[in-house]
Each structure stands twice: as structure tokens, then as C-alpha cells.
């Protein structure tokens, strides 16, 4: 796992995501997913850029199907933003890094 990005599972989900007061970007992904491989470097860059302001985690949907089902993940990559345990925004598919930055800035502001 990249520096600044935490890998979460069913076991660590509540503590890492739902119980955190921080803005958290969750990258729902799978190893076989080509578009996920395009998003991963952007998420890693953003994690470094927003260190101390927001947290970034990745959840492998193949290894954690219950969570993928709970959040109705129909397509990956899905980037879901949580704040104080609540979903505040969601982006499905590959988007430009500038669009992700704008979304994070608006959610932090």
C-alpha cells in the first residue's frame, strides 16, 4: 500500500471510516479493474497533498463483498467521501485529478 493510503477491510471499516471525524476518501477497487489502476496513482498523489487535512483509504471489493454490497457499489472505481461517518459525495469512474481536488476542497471548505 502506498504511503498515505490505508488499506481497509470489513474488520477495520468502522474504526477507520465510520468512527473518524475526518474527511475520508474511500477508493472502492479490485485488482482486475483497469480503470482502478488509472485512479490509484491520483489517489496516492492526493493523499500526499492533503496529508493532515483528509484521509485516504482503499477497499478491495472482491475481498470485502459485504461492504461493497452495503454501499451499493455497482461499478468500480467508486470514490466515496465520508465525513463523520456519513456519505457526503460519490464519484463513479475515472475523473481528472483536478476534478477530485475541487471536490475535496469543497468538502473541506
C-alpha atoms as a PDB file:
ATOM      1  CA  UNK A   1       0.000   0.000   0.000  1.00  0.00           C
ATOM      2  CA  UNK A   2       1.223   3.454  -0.814  1.00  0.00           C
ATOM      3  CA  UNK A   3       2.374   5.955   1.738  1.00  0.00           C
ATOM      4  CA  UNK A   4      -0.589   8.000   2.921  1.00  0.00           C
ATOM      5  CA  UNK A   5      -3.221   5.494   1.749  1.00  0.00           C
ATOM      6  CA  UNK A   6      -4.560   2.912   4.211  1.00  0.00           C
ATOM      7  CA  UNK A   7      -5.940  -0.433   3.121  1.00  0.00           C
ATOM      8  CA  UNK A   8      -9.217  -1.136   4.947  1.00  0.00           C
ATOM      9  CA  UNK A   9     -11.231  -4.326   5.305  1.00  0.00           C
ATOM     10  CA  UNK A  10     -14.545  -5.382   6.791  1.00  0.00           C
ATOM     11  CA  UNK A  11     -12.756  -5.708  10.159  1.00  0.00           C
ATOM     12  CA  UNK A  12     -11.212  -2.222  10.171  1.00  0.00           C
ATOM     13  CA  UNK A  13     -14.031  -0.350   8.352  1.00  0.00           C
ATOM     14  CA  UNK A  14     -15.904   1.002  11.379  1.00  0.00           C
ATOM     15  CA  UNK A  15     -12.788   2.248  13.173  1.00  0.00           C
ATOM     16  CA  UNK A  16     -11.074   3.674  10.081  1.00  0.00           C
ATOM     17  CA  UNK A  17     -14.068   5.188   8.268  1.00  0.00           C
ATOM     18  CA  UNK A  18     -17.309   5.396  10.236  1.00  0.00           C
ATOM     19  CA  UNK A  19     -15.851   6.466  13.583  1.00  0.00           C
ATOM     20  CA  UNK A  20     -13.439   9.030  12.132  1.00  0.00           C
ATOM     21  CA  UNK A  21     -14.296  12.739  12.365  1.00  0.00           C
ATOM     22  CA  UNK A  22     -12.085  13.428   9.318  1.00  0.00           C
ATOM     23  CA  UNK A  23     -12.994  13.774   5.662  1.00  0.00           C
ATOM     24  CA  UNK A  24     -12.206  10.366   4.197  1.00  0.00           C
ATOM     25  CA  UNK A  25     -11.989   9.380   0.556  1.00  0.00           C
ATOM     26  CA  UNK A  26     -12.650   5.658   0.107  1.00  0.00           C
ATOM     27  CA  UNK A  27     -11.428   4.126  -3.152  1.00  0.00           C
ATOM     28  CA  UNK A  28     -13.535   1.013  -3.860  1.00  0.00           C
ATOM     29  CA  UNK A  29     -11.430  -1.035  -6.285  1.00  0.00           C
ATOM     30  CA  UNK A  30     -10.450  -4.530  -7.482  1.00  0.00           C
ATOM     31  CA  UNK A  31      -7.167  -5.942  -8.750  1.00  0.00           C
ATOM     32  CA  UNK A  32      -8.600  -6.884 -12.180  1.00  0.00           C
ATOM     33  CA  UNK A  33     -10.070  -3.414 -12.821  1.00  0.00           C
ATOM     34  CA  UNK A  34      -8.171  -1.406 -15.446  1.00  0.00           C
ATOM     35  CA  UNK A  35      -9.777   1.965 -14.623  1.00  0.00           C
ATOM     36  CA  UNK A  36      -8.962   1.359 -10.929  1.00  0.00           C
ATOM     37  CA  UNK A  37      -5.294   1.193 -11.908  1.00  0.00           C
ATOM     38  CA  UNK A  38      -5.679   4.604 -13.555  1.00  0.00           C
ATOM     39  CA  UNK A  39      -7.262   6.152 -10.440  1.00  0.00           C
ATOM     40  CA  UNK A  40      -4.816   4.640  -7.904  1.00  0.00           C
ATOM     41  CA  UNK A  41      -1.848   6.969  -8.662  1.00  0.00           C
ATOM     42  CA  UNK A  42      -4.135  10.027  -8.419  1.00  0.00           C
ATOM     43  CA  UNK A  43      -5.452   8.880  -5.047  1.00  0.00           C
ATOM     44  CA  UNK A  44      -1.875   8.355  -3.838  1.00  0.00           C
ATOM     45  CA  UNK A  45      -0.823  11.837  -5.019  1.00  0.00           C
ATOM     46  CA  UNK A  46      -3.852  13.423  -3.371  1.00  0.00           C
ATOM     47  CA  UNK A  47      -3.126  11.568  -0.131  1.00  0.00           C
ATOM     48  CA  UNK A  48       0.302  13.210  -0.044  1.00  0.00           C
ATOM     49  CA  UNK A  49      -1.068  16.637  -0.996  1.00  0.00           C
ATOM     50  CA  UNK A  50      -3.839  16.571   1.619  1.00  0.00           C
ATOM     51  CA  UNK A  51      -1.850  14.949   4.422  1.00  0.00           C
ATOM     52  CA  UNK A  52      -3.207  16.214   7.734  1.00  0.00           C
ATOM     53  CA  UNK A  53      -6.374  17.594   6.092  1.00  0.00           C
ATOM     54  CA  UNK A  54      -8.125  14.469   4.781  1.00  0.00           C
ATOM     55  CA  UNK A  55      -7.578  10.711   4.921  1.00  0.00           C
ATOM     56  CA  UNK A  56      -7.476   8.275   2.015  1.00  0.00           C
ATOM     57  CA  UNK A  57      -8.311   4.579   2.190  1.00  0.00           C
ATOM     58  CA  UNK A  58      -8.729   1.751  -0.304  1.00  0.00           C
ATOM     59  CA  UNK A  59     -11.205  -1.108  -0.058  1.00  0.00           C
ATOM     60  CA  UNK A  60     -10.832  -4.170  -2.287  1.00  0.00           C
ATOM     61  CA  UNK A  61     -14.402  -5.026  -3.314  1.00  0.00           C
ATOM     62  CA  UNK A  62     -13.534  -8.640  -4.200  1.00  0.00           C
ATOM     63  CA  UNK A  63     -12.098  -9.274  -0.741  1.00  0.00           C
ATOM     64  CA  UNK A  64     -14.880  -7.331   1.063  1.00  0.00           C
ATOM     65  CA  UNK A  65     -18.101  -8.089  -0.842  1.00  0.00           C
ATOM     66  CA  UNK A  66     -20.352  -7.356   2.143  1.00  0.00           C
ATOM     67  CA  UNK A  67     -19.175  -3.742   2.303  1.00  0.00           C
ATOM     68  CA  UNK A  68     -19.409  -3.337  -1.471  1.00  0.00           C
ATOM     69  CA  UNK A  69     -22.983  -4.601  -1.254  1.00  0.00           C
ATOM     70  CA  UNK A  70     -23.864  -2.437   1.764  1.00  0.00           C
ATOM     71  CA  UNK A  71     -22.817   0.704  -0.112  1.00  0.00           C
ATOM     72  CA  UNK A  72     -24.411  -0.459  -3.381  1.00  0.00           C
ATOM     73  CA  UNK A  73     -21.163  -0.377  -5.345  1.00  0.00           C
ATOM     74  CA  UNK A  74     -22.263  -1.228  -8.887  1.00  0.00           C
ATOM     75  CA  UNK A  75     -19.205  -0.021 -10.794  1.00  0.00           C
ATOM     76  CA  UNK A  76     -15.585   0.464  -9.901  1.00  0.00           C
ATOM     77  CA  UNK A  77     -13.662   2.510  -9.300  1.00  0.00           C
ATOM     78  CA  UNK A  78     -16.089   4.249  -6.981  1.00  0.00           C
ATOM     79  CA  UNK A  79     -14.722   7.060  -4.853  1.00  0.00           C
ATOM     80  CA  UNK A  80     -16.930   7.712  -1.861  1.00  0.00           C
ATOM     81  CA  UNK A  81     -16.401  10.624   0.509  1.00  0.00           C
ATOM     82  CA  UNK A  82     -17.303  10.229   4.178  1.00  0.00           C
ATOM     83  CA  UNK A  83     -17.444  12.903   6.856  1.00  0.00           C
ATOM     84  CA  UNK A  84     -18.215  11.954  10.465  1.00  0.00           C
ATOM     85  CA  UNK A  85     -19.302   8.511   9.280  1.00  0.00           C
ATOM     86  CA  UNK A  86     -21.783   9.815   6.705  1.00  0.00           C
ATOM     87  CA  UNK A  87     -21.534   9.638   2.913  1.00  0.00           C
ATOM     88  CA  UNK A  88     -21.281  13.193   1.609  1.00  0.00           C
ATOM     89  CA  UNK A  89     -20.354  12.592  -2.039  1.00  0.00           C
ATOM     90  CA  UNK A  90     -19.663   9.837  -4.541  1.00  0.00           C
ATOM     91  CA  UNK A  91     -17.864   9.668  -7.884  1.00  0.00           C
ATOM     92  CA  UNK A  92     -18.033   6.594 -10.120  1.00  0.00           C
ATOM     93  CA  UNK A  93     -15.418   6.006 -12.794  1.00  0.00           C
ATOM     94  CA  UNK A  94     -12.244   7.778 -13.781  1.00  0.00           C
ATOM     95  CA  UNK A  95     -12.236  11.560 -13.457  1.00  0.00           C
ATOM     96  CA  UNK A  96      -9.410  14.094 -13.857  1.00  0.00           C
ATOM     97  CA  UNK A  97      -7.283  14.802 -10.798  1.00  0.00           C
ATOM     98  CA  UNK A  98      -8.325  18.466 -10.935  1.00  0.00           C
ATOM     99  CA  UNK A  99     -11.960  17.424 -10.531  1.00  0.00           C
ATOM    100  CA  UNK A 100     -11.070  15.312  -7.481  1.00  0.00           C
ATOM    101  CA  UNK A 101      -9.100  18.200  -5.977  1.00  0.00           C
ATOM    102  CA  UNK A 102     -12.023  20.571  -6.500  1.00  0.00           C
ATOM    103  CA  UNK A 103     -14.391  18.106  -4.831  1.00  0.00           C
ATOM    104  CA  UNK A 104     -12.052  17.615  -1.836  1.00  0.00           C
ATOM    105  CA  UNK A 105     -11.552  21.376  -1.480  1.00  0.00           C
ATOM    106  CA  UNK A 106     -15.320  21.977  -1.495  1.00  0.00           C
ATOM    107  CA  UNK A 107     -15.886  19.256   1.115  1.00  0.00           C
ATOM    108  CA  UNK A 108     -13.097  20.621   3.320  1.00  0.00           C
ATOM    109  CA  UNK A 109     -14.330  24.194   2.940  1.00  0.00           C
END
